[in-house]
Amino acid sequence: MSSRHHIDDFMRGRIIGKIEEGRKITDVAREFDIAHSVVSRLWKSFKTTGMCSRRHGGGRVRSTTPAEDRYIVLSAKWNRRTKAHQVAN
């Protein structure tokens, strides 16, 4: 199983700078020891958006607040015999 490491913004800027200097994507990928597809995708997104920062977000919107989460945990600890579906309700 491979582990994924995100490239920080400084490294992204360096990669974009090397490509703007006229270096080939393959050479830049080899220099930074990154897959060619990653560098190619980064360059493509930089050309279309003009930014090289990573998109954040994504995922489901929370339905409970952190305060509600704390209350759910406390209520489950107060009455340990409650079933999971009762706590969920």
PDB file of N, CA and C in Angstrom:
ATOM      1  N   MET A   1       0.845  -1.164   0.000  1.00  0.00           N
ATOM      2  CA  MET A   1       0.000   0.000   0.000  1.00  0.00           C
ATOM      3  C   MET A   1       0.898   1.236   0.000  1.00  0.00           C
ATOM      4  N   SER A   2       0.611   2.165  -0.881  1.00  0.00           N
ATOM      5  CA  SER A   2       1.444   3.347  -0.969  1.00  0.00           C
ATOM      6  C   SER A   2       0.887   4.455  -0.091  1.00  0.00           C
ATOM      7  N   SER A   3       1.781   5.247   0.458  1.00  0.00           N
ATOM      8  CA  SER A   3       1.342   6.379   1.259  1.00  0.00           C
ATOM      9  C   SER A   3       1.381   7.625   0.397  1.00  0.00           C
ATOM     10  N   ARG A   4       0.435   8.518   0.621  1.00  0.00           N
ATOM     11  CA  ARG A   4       0.340   9.735  -0.174  1.00  0.00           C
ATOM     12  C   ARG A   4       0.901  10.897   0.619  1.00  0.00           C
ATOM     13  N   HIS A   5       1.789  11.637  -0.010  1.00  0.00           N
ATOM     14  CA  HIS A   5       2.353  12.815   0.615  1.00  0.00           C
ATOM     15  C   HIS A   5       2.001  14.012  -0.259  1.00  0.00           C
ATOM     16  N   HIS A   6       1.396  15.006   0.325  1.00  0.00           N
ATOM     17  CA  HIS A   6       1.032  16.186  -0.433  1.00  0.00           C
ATOM     18  C   HIS A   6       2.243  17.099  -0.562  1.00  0.00           C
ATOM     19  N   ILE A   7       2.311  17.757  -1.682  1.00  0.00           N
ATOM     20  CA  ILE A   7       3.413  18.681  -1.944  1.00  0.00           C
ATOM     21  C   ILE A   7       3.030  20.031  -1.355  1.00  0.00           C
ATOM     22  N   ASP A   8       3.901  20.612  -0.556  1.00  0.00           N
ATOM     23  CA  ASP A   8       3.586  21.914   0.038  1.00  0.00           C
ATOM     24  C   ASP A   8       3.666  23.015  -1.017  1.00  0.00           C
ATOM     25  N   ASP A   9       3.128  24.174  -0.668  1.00  0.00           N
ATOM     26  CA  ASP A   9       3.023  25.279  -1.628  1.00  0.00           C
ATOM     27  C   ASP A   9       4.395  25.766  -2.106  1.00  0.00           C
ATOM     28  N   PHE A  10       5.384  25.728  -1.228  1.00  0.00           N
ATOM     29  CA  PHE A  10       6.725  26.165  -1.617  1.00  0.00           C
ATOM     30  C   PHE A  10       7.292  25.259  -2.709  1.00  0.00           C
ATOM     31  N   MET A  11       7.118  23.941  -2.525  1.00  0.00           N
ATOM     32  CA  MET A  11       7.614  22.983  -3.510  1.00  0.00           C
ATOM     33  C   MET A  11       6.854  23.131  -4.830  1.00  0.00           C
ATOM     34  N   ARG A  12       5.554  23.381  -4.744  1.00  0.00           N
ATOM     35  CA  ARG A  12       4.762  23.594  -5.952  1.00  0.00           C
ATOM     36  C   ARG A  12       5.283  24.808  -6.728  1.00  0.00           C
ATOM     37  N   GLY A  13       5.596  25.867  -5.997  1.00  0.00           N
ATOM     38  CA  GLY A  13       6.138  27.059  -6.644  1.00  0.00           C
ATOM     39  C   GLY A  13       7.466  26.794  -7.318  1.00  0.00           C
ATOM     40  N   ARG A  14       8.304  26.009  -6.674  1.00  0.00           N
ATOM     41  CA  ARG A  14       9.599  25.664  -7.269  1.00  0.00           C
ATOM     42  C   ARG A  14       9.419  24.861  -8.550  1.00  0.00           C
ATOM     43  N   ILE A  15       8.466  23.919  -8.517  1.00  0.00           N
ATOM     44  CA  ILE A  15       8.215  23.083  -9.697  1.00  0.00           C
ATOM     45  C   ILE A  15       7.719  23.951 -10.852  1.00  0.00           C
ATOM     46  N   ILE A  16       6.760  24.828 -10.562  1.00  0.00           N
ATOM     47  CA  ILE A  16       6.221  25.713 -11.598  1.00  0.00           C
ATOM     48  C   ILE A  16       7.321  26.613 -12.144  1.00  0.00           C
ATOM     49  N   GLY A  17       8.177  27.114 -11.262  1.00  0.00           N
ATOM     50  CA  GLY A  17       9.281  27.970 -11.695  1.00  0.00           C
ATOM     51  C   GLY A  17      10.225  27.257 -12.640  1.00  0.00           C
ATOM     52  N   LYS A  18      10.548  26.008 -12.343  1.00  0.00           N
ATOM     53  CA  LYS A  18      11.454  25.245 -13.209  1.00  0.00           C
ATOM     54  C   LYS A  18      10.841  25.044 -14.590  1.00  0.00           C
ATOM     55  N   ILE A  19       9.535  24.765 -14.634  1.00  0.00           N
ATOM     56  CA  ILE A  19       8.882  24.548 -15.928  1.00  0.00           C
ATOM     57  C   ILE A  19       8.805  25.867 -16.709  1.00  0.00           C
ATOM     58  N   GLU A  20       8.559  26.967 -16.002  1.00  0.00           N
ATOM     59  CA  GLU A  20       8.515  28.270 -16.679  1.00  0.00           C
ATOM     60  C   GLU A  20       9.884  28.677 -17.225  1.00  0.00           C
ATOM     61  N   GLU A  21      10.948  28.164 -16.610  1.00  0.00           N
ATOM     62  CA  GLU A  21      12.293  28.427 -17.120  1.00  0.00           C
ATOM     63  C   GLU A  21      12.527  27.736 -18.451  1.00  0.00           C
ATOM     64  N   GLY A  22      11.702  26.759 -18.767  1.00  0.00           N
ATOM     65  CA  GLY A  22      11.854  26.044 -20.031  1.00  0.00           C
ATOM     66  C   GLY A  22      12.270  24.600 -19.861  1.00  0.00           C
ATOM     67  N   ARG A  23      12.346  24.127 -18.627  1.00  0.00           N
ATOM     68  CA  ARG A  23      12.719  22.729 -18.395  1.00  0.00           C
ATOM     69  C   ARG A  23      11.570  21.808 -18.754  1.00  0.00           C
ATOM     70  N   LYS A  24      11.858  20.591 -19.123  1.00  0.00           N
ATOM     71  CA  LYS A  24      10.834  19.613 -19.471  1.00  0.00           C
ATOM     72  C   LYS A  24      10.203  19.044 -18.203  1.00  0.00           C
ATOM     73  N   ILE A  25       8.953  18.665 -18.324  1.00  0.00           N
ATOM     74  CA  ILE A  25       8.219  18.110 -17.180  1.00  0.00           C
ATOM     75  C   ILE A  25       8.903  16.847 -16.678  1.00  0.00           C
ATOM     76  N   THR A  26       9.411  16.031 -17.585  1.00  0.00           N
ATOM     77  CA  THR A  26      10.085  14.790 -17.200  1.00  0.00           C
ATOM     78  C   THR A  26      11.335  15.079 -16.374  1.00  0.00           C
ATOM     79  N   ASP A  27      12.105  16.083 -16.798  1.00  0.00           N
ATOM     80  CA  ASP A  27      13.330  16.433 -16.063  1.00  0.00           C
ATOM     81  C   ASP A  27      13.000  16.979 -14.678  1.00  0.00           C
ATOM     82  N   VAL A  28      11.963  17.820 -14.594  1.00  0.00           N
ATOM     83  CA  VAL A  28      11.568  18.383 -13.297  1.00  0.00           C
ATOM     84  C   VAL A  28      11.081  17.274 -12.367  1.00  0.00           C
ATOM     85  N   ALA A  29      10.294  16.352 -12.908  1.00  0.00           N
ATOM     86  CA  ALA A  29       9.787  15.240 -12.101  1.00  0.00           C
ATOM     87  C   ALA A  29      10.933  14.386 -11.577  1.00  0.00           C
ATOM     88  N   ARG A  30      11.922  14.157 -12.412  1.00  0.00           N
ATOM     89  CA  ARG A  30      13.068  13.353 -11.997  1.00  0.00           C
ATOM     90  C   ARG A  30      13.890  14.091 -10.938  1.00  0.00           C
ATOM     91  N   GLU A  31      14.043  15.404 -11.094  1.00  0.00           N
ATOM     92  CA  GLU A  31      14.830  16.189 -10.140  1.00  0.00           C
ATOM     93  C   GLU A  31      14.199  16.185  -8.750  1.00  0.00           C
ATOM     94  N   PHE A  32      12.874  16.330  -8.686  1.00  0.00           N
ATOM     95  CA  PHE A  32      12.191  16.382  -7.399  1.00  0.00           C
ATOM     96  C   PHE A  32      11.738  15.005  -6.914  1.00  0.00           C
ATOM     97  N   ASP A  33      12.026  13.961  -7.695  1.00  0.00           N
ATOM     98  CA  ASP A  33      11.658  12.585  -7.364  1.00  0.00           C
ATOM     99  C   ASP A  33      10.142  12.468  -7.141  1.00  0.00           C
ATOM    100  N   ILE A  34       9.398  12.993  -8.115  1.00  0.00           N
ATOM    101  CA  ILE A  34       7.939  12.970  -8.099  1.00  0.00           C
ATOM    102  C   ILE A  34       7.492  12.339  -9.408  1.00  0.00           C
ATOM    103  N   ALA A  35       6.344  11.698  -9.389  1.00  0.00           N
ATOM    104  CA  ALA A  35       5.822  11.068 -10.590  1.00  0.00           C
ATOM    105  C   ALA A  35       5.554  12.115 -11.671  1.00  0.00           C
ATOM    106  N   HIS A  36       5.793  11.720 -12.899  1.00  0.00           N
ATOM    107  CA  HIS A  36       5.581  12.603 -14.045  1.00  0.00           C
ATOM    108  C   HIS A  36       4.138  13.094 -14.096  1.00  0.00           C
ATOM    109  N   SER A  37       3.187  12.220 -13.775  1.00  0.00           N
ATOM    110  CA  SER A  37       1.772  12.591 -13.854  1.00  0.00           C
ATOM    111  C   SER A  37       1.415  13.675 -12.848  1.00  0.00           C
ATOM    112  N   VAL A  38       2.072  13.660 -11.687  1.00  0.00           N
ATOM    113  CA  VAL A  38       1.803  14.674 -10.661  1.00  0.00           C
ATOM    114  C   VAL A  38       2.263  16.041 -11.144  1.00  0.00           C
ATOM    115  N   VAL A  39       3.463  16.093 -11.688  1.00  0.00           N
ATOM    116  CA  VAL A  39       4.002  17.359 -12.182  1.00  0.00           C
ATOM    117  C   VAL A  39       3.183  17.846 -13.374  1.00  0.00           C
ATOM    118  N   SER A  40       2.804  16.937 -14.246  1.00  0.00           N
ATOM    119  CA  SER A  40       2.007  17.305 -15.409  1.00  0.00           C
ATOM    120  C   SER A  40       0.650  17.858 -14.993  1.00  0.00           C
ATOM    121  N   ARG A  41       0.009  17.222 -14.022  1.00  0.00           N
ATOM    122  CA  ARG A  41      -1.286  17.692 -13.527  1.00  0.00           C
ATOM    123  C   ARG A  41      -1.155  19.048 -12.848  1.00  0.00           C
ATOM    124  N   LEU A  42      -0.078  19.240 -12.094  1.00  0.00           N
ATOM    125  CA  LEU A  42       0.173  20.522 -11.439  1.00  0.00           C
ATOM    126  C   LEU A  42       0.353  21.631 -12.473  1.00  0.00           C
ATOM    127  N   TRP A  43       1.126  21.355 -13.522  1.00  0.00           N
ATOM    128  CA  TRP A  43       1.359  22.352 -14.562  1.00  0.00           C
ATOM    129  C   TRP A  43       0.063  22.677 -15.307  1.00  0.00           C
ATOM    130  N   LYS A  44      -0.725  21.642 -15.582  1.00  0.00           N
ATOM    131  CA  LYS A  44      -1.997  21.850 -16.283  1.00  0.00           C
ATOM    132  C   LYS A  44      -2.944  22.703 -15.450  1.00  0.00           C
ATOM    133  N   SER A  45      -3.036  22.438 -14.160  1.00  0.00           N
ATOM    134  CA  SER A  45      -3.934  23.223 -13.310  1.00  0.00           C
ATOM    135  C   SER A  45      -3.410  24.648 -13.141  1.00  0.00           C
ATOM    136  N   PHE A  46      -2.088  24.823 -13.141  1.00  0.00           N
ATOM    137  CA  PHE A  46      -1.523  26.168 -13.049  1.00  0.00           C
ATOM    138  C   PHE A  46      -1.838  26.975 -14.305  1.00  0.00           C
ATOM    139  N   LYS A  47      -1.766  26.336 -15.468  1.00  0.00           N
ATOM    140  CA  LYS A  47      -2.064  27.039 -16.711  1.00  0.00           C
ATOM    141  C   LYS A  47      -3.531  27.458 -16.784  1.00  0.00           C
ATOM    142  N   THR A  48      -4.432  26.645 -16.260  1.00  0.00           N
ATOM    143  CA  THR A  48      -5.857  26.967 -16.373  1.00  0.00           C
ATOM    144  C   THR A  48      -6.319  27.952 -15.303  1.00  0.00           C
ATOM    145  N   THR A  49      -5.834  27.792 -14.057  1.00  0.00           N
ATOM    146  CA  THR A  49      -6.310  28.638 -12.962  1.00  0.00           C
ATOM    147  C   THR A  49      -5.371  29.791 -12.628  1.00  0.00           C
ATOM    148  N   GLY A  50      -4.094  29.641 -12.939  1.00  0.00           N
ATOM    149  CA  GLY A  50      -3.125  30.674 -12.596  1.00  0.00           C
ATOM    150  C   GLY A  50      -2.627  30.573 -11.162  1.00  0.00           C
ATOM    151  N   MET A  51      -3.063  29.543 -10.435  1.00  0.00           N
ATOM    152  CA  MET A  51      -2.625  29.336  -9.057  1.00  0.00           C
ATOM    153  C   MET A  51      -2.065  27.923  -8.936  1.00  0.00           C
ATOM    154  N   CYS A  52      -1.194  27.742  -7.955  1.00  0.00           N
ATOM    155  CA  CYS A  52      -0.633  26.406  -7.771  1.00  0.00           C
ATOM    156  C   CYS A  52      -0.933  25.859  -6.379  1.00  0.00           C
ATOM    157  N   SER A  53      -1.888  26.466  -5.674  1.00  0.00           N
ATOM    158  CA  SER A  53      -2.193  25.982  -4.333  1.00  0.00           C
ATOM    159  C   SER A  53      -3.181  24.820  -4.404  1.00  0.00           C
ATOM    160  N   ARG A  54      -3.208  24.040  -3.371  1.00  0.00           N
ATOM    161  CA  ARG A  54      -4.031  22.847  -3.310  1.00  0.00           C
ATOM    162  C   ARG A  54      -5.452  23.210  -2.915  1.00  0.00           C
ATOM    163  N   ARG A  55      -6.412  22.526  -3.517  1.00  0.00           N
ATOM    164  CA  ARG A  55      -7.810  22.764  -3.173  1.00  0.00           C
ATOM    165  C   ARG A  55      -8.118  22.082  -1.853  1.00  0.00           C
ATOM    166  N   HIS A  56      -8.795  22.790  -0.979  1.00  0.00           N
ATOM    167  CA  HIS A  56      -9.179  22.224   0.300  1.00  0.00           C
ATOM    168  C   HIS A  56     -10.678  22.026   0.310  1.00  0.00           C
ATOM    169  N   GLY A  57     -11.124  21.261   1.249  1.00  0.00           N
ATOM    170  CA  GLY A  57     -12.554  21.035   1.355  1.00  0.00           C
ATOM    171  C   GLY A  57     -12.914  19.689   0.770  1.00  0.00           C
ATOM    172  N   GLY A  58     -14.116  19.600   0.371  1.00  0.00           N
ATOM    173  CA  GLY A  58     -14.579  18.321  -0.127  1.00  0.00           C
ATOM    174  C   GLY A  58     -15.008  17.462   1.034  1.00  0.00           C
ATOM    175  N   GLY A  59     -15.982  16.707   0.818  1.00  0.00           N
ATOM    176  CA  GLY A  59     -16.491  15.867   1.883  1.00  0.00           C
ATOM    177  C   GLY A  59     -17.854  16.364   2.331  1.00  0.00           C
ATOM    178  N   ARG A  60     -18.477  15.581   3.121  1.00  0.00           N
ATOM    179  CA  ARG A  60     -19.832  15.873   3.552  1.00  0.00           C
ATOM    180  C   ARG A  60     -19.848  17.009   4.572  1.00  0.00           C
ATOM    181  N   VAL A  61     -20.890  17.824   4.509  1.00  0.00           N
ATOM    182  CA  VAL A  61     -21.066  18.907   5.456  1.00  0.00           C
ATOM    183  C   VAL A  61     -21.527  18.313   6.787  1.00  0.00           C
ATOM    184  N   ARG A  62     -20.987  18.832   7.877  1.00  0.00           N
ATOM    185  CA  ARG A  62     -21.331  18.306   9.194  1.00  0.00           C
ATOM    186  C   ARG A  62     -22.789  18.583   9.520  1.00  0.00           C
ATOM    187  N   SER A  63     -23.452  17.597  10.145  1.00  0.00           N
ATOM    188  CA  SER A  63     -24.846  17.793  10.528  1.00  0.00           C
ATOM    189  C   SER A  63     -24.973  18.170  12.000  1.00  0.00           C
ATOM    190  N   THR A  64     -23.925  17.962  12.785  1.00  0.00           N
ATOM    191  CA  THR A  64     -23.941  18.355  14.196  1.00  0.00           C
ATOM    192  C   THR A  64     -22.783  19.309  14.466  1.00  0.00           C
ATOM    193  N   THR A  65     -22.976  20.123  15.469  1.00  0.00           N
ATOM    194  CA  THR A  65     -21.914  21.045  15.866  1.00  0.00           C
ATOM    195  C   THR A  65     -20.999  20.346  16.868  1.00  0.00           C
ATOM    196  N   PRO A  66     -19.814  20.870  17.114  1.00  0.00           N
ATOM    197  CA  PRO A  66     -18.943  20.263  18.126  1.00  0.00           C
ATOM    198  C   PRO A  66     -19.593  20.230  19.515  1.00  0.00           C
ATOM    199  N   ALA A  67     -20.396  21.239  19.840  1.00  0.00           N
ATOM    200  CA  ALA A  67     -21.082  21.246  21.139  1.00  0.00           C
ATOM    201  C   ALA A  67     -22.086  20.097  21.217  1.00  0.00           C
ATOM    202  N   GLU A  68     -22.796  19.858  20.131  1.00  0.00           N
ATOM    203  CA  GLU A  68     -23.745  18.738  20.106  1.00  0.00           C
ATOM    204  C   GLU A  68     -23.015  17.404  20.218  1.00  0.00           C
ATOM    205  N   ASP A  69     -21.862  17.300  19.587  1.00  0.00           N
ATOM    206  CA  ASP A  69     -21.063  16.072  19.692  1.00  0.00           C
ATOM    207  C   ASP A  69     -20.661  15.804  21.139  1.00  0.00           C
ATOM    208  N   ARG A  70     -20.230  16.857  21.835  1.00  0.00           N
ATOM    209  CA  ARG A  70     -19.850  16.680  23.245  1.00  0.00           C
ATOM    210  C   ARG A  70     -21.048  16.244  24.080  1.00  0.00           C
ATOM    211  N   TYR A  71     -22.216  16.819  23.797  1.00  0.00           N
ATOM    212  CA  TYR A  71     -23.413  16.453  24.550  1.00  0.00           C
ATOM    213  C   TYR A  71     -23.809  14.999  24.283  1.00  0.00           C
ATOM    214  N   ILE A  72     -23.679  14.544  23.058  1.00  0.00           N
ATOM    215  CA  ILE A  72     -24.002  13.154  22.728  1.00  0.00           C
ATOM    216  C   ILE A  72     -23.093  12.201  23.488  1.00  0.00           C
ATOM    217  N   VAL A  73     -21.812  12.525  23.534  1.00  0.00           N
ATOM    218  CA  VAL A  73     -20.867  11.670  24.259  1.00  0.00           C
ATOM    219  C   VAL A  73     -21.196  11.653  25.746  1.00  0.00           C
ATOM    220  N   LEU A  74     -21.483  12.830  26.309  1.00  0.00           N
ATOM    221  CA  LEU A  74     -21.819  12.883  27.734  1.00  0.00           C
ATOM    222  C   LEU A  74     -23.095  12.110  28.041  1.00  0.00           C
ATOM    223  N   SER A  75     -24.114  12.263  27.206  1.00  0.00           N
ATOM    224  CA  SER A  75     -25.368  11.563  27.467  1.00  0.00           C
ATOM    225  C   SER A  75     -25.193  10.055  27.338  1.00  0.00           C
ATOM    226  N   ALA A  76     -24.336   9.606  26.439  1.00  0.00           N
ATOM    227  CA  ALA A  76     -24.070   8.173  26.318  1.00  0.00           C
ATOM    228  C   ALA A  76     -23.312   7.657  27.538  1.00  0.00           C
ATOM    229  N   LYS A  77     -22.429   8.490  28.101  1.00  0.00           N
ATOM    230  CA  LYS A  77     -21.696   8.064  29.299  1.00  0.00           C
ATOM    231  C   LYS A  77     -22.583   8.068  30.529  1.00  0.00           C
ATOM    232  N   TRP A  78     -23.562   9.012  30.598  1.00  0.00           N
ATOM    233  CA  TRP A  78     -24.449   9.072  31.760  1.00  0.00           C
ATOM    234  C   TRP A  78     -25.303   7.812  31.847  1.00  0.00           C
ATOM    235  N   ASN A  79     -25.856   7.386  30.738  1.00  0.00           N
ATOM    236  CA  ASN A  79     -26.693   6.193  30.735  1.00  0.00           C
ATOM    237  C   ASN A  79     -26.063   5.179  29.791  1.00  0.00           C
ATOM    238  N   ARG A  80     -25.248   4.307  30.342  1.00  0.00           N
ATOM    239  CA  ARG A  80     -24.481   3.377  29.523  1.00  0.00           C
ATOM    240  C   ARG A  80     -25.326   2.250  28.939  1.00  0.00           C
ATOM    241  N   ARG A  81     -26.548   2.110  29.401  1.00  0.00           N
ATOM    242  CA  ARG A  81     -27.384   1.026  28.894  1.00  0.00           C
ATOM    243  C   ARG A  81     -28.201   1.417  27.665  1.00  0.00           C
ATOM    244  N   THR A  82     -28.072   2.650  27.219  1.00  0.00           N
ATOM    245  CA  THR A  82     -28.821   3.049  26.027  1.00  0.00           C
ATOM    246  C   THR A  82     -28.229   2.385  24.794  1.00  0.00           C
ATOM    247  N   LYS A  83     -29.102   2.045  23.875  1.00  0.00           N
ATOM    248  CA  LYS A  83     -28.665   1.401  22.638  1.00  0.00           C
ATOM    249  C   LYS A  83     -28.203   2.476  21.654  1.00  0.00           C
ATOM    250  N   ALA A  84     -27.462   2.048  20.652  1.00  0.00           N
ATOM    251  CA  ALA A  84     -26.864   2.979  19.688  1.00  0.00           C
ATOM    252  C   ALA A  84     -27.931   3.756  18.935  1.00  0.00           C
ATOM    253  N   HIS A  85     -29.017   3.098  18.556  1.00  0.00           N
ATOM    254  CA  HIS A  85     -30.036   3.813  17.796  1.00  0.00           C
ATOM    255  C   HIS A  85     -30.746   4.854  18.657  1.00  0.00           C
ATOM    256  N   GLN A  86     -30.802   4.623  19.981  1.00  0.00           N
ATOM    257  CA  GLN A  86     -31.397   5.624  20.871  1.00  0.00           C
ATOM    258  C   GLN A  86     -30.486   6.852  20.996  1.00  0.00           C
ATOM    259  N   VAL A  87     -29.192   6.600  21.078  1.00  0.00           N
ATOM    260  CA  VAL A  87     -28.227   7.703  21.148  1.00  0.00           C
ATOM    261  C   VAL A  87     -28.267   8.479  19.816  1.00  0.00           C
ATOM    262  N   ALA A  88     -28.396   7.776  18.714  1.00  0.00           N
ATOM    263  CA  ALA A  88     -28.428   8.432  17.407  1.00  0.00           C
ATOM    264  C   ALA A  88     -29.659   9.322  17.271  1.00  0.00           C
ATOM    265  N   ASN A  89     -30.772   8.884  17.847  1.00  0.00           N
ATOM    266  CA  ASN A  89     -31.997   9.692  17.758  1.00  0.00           C
ATOM    267  C   ASN A  89     -31.838  10.942  18.614  1.00  0.00           C
TER     268      ASN A  89
END
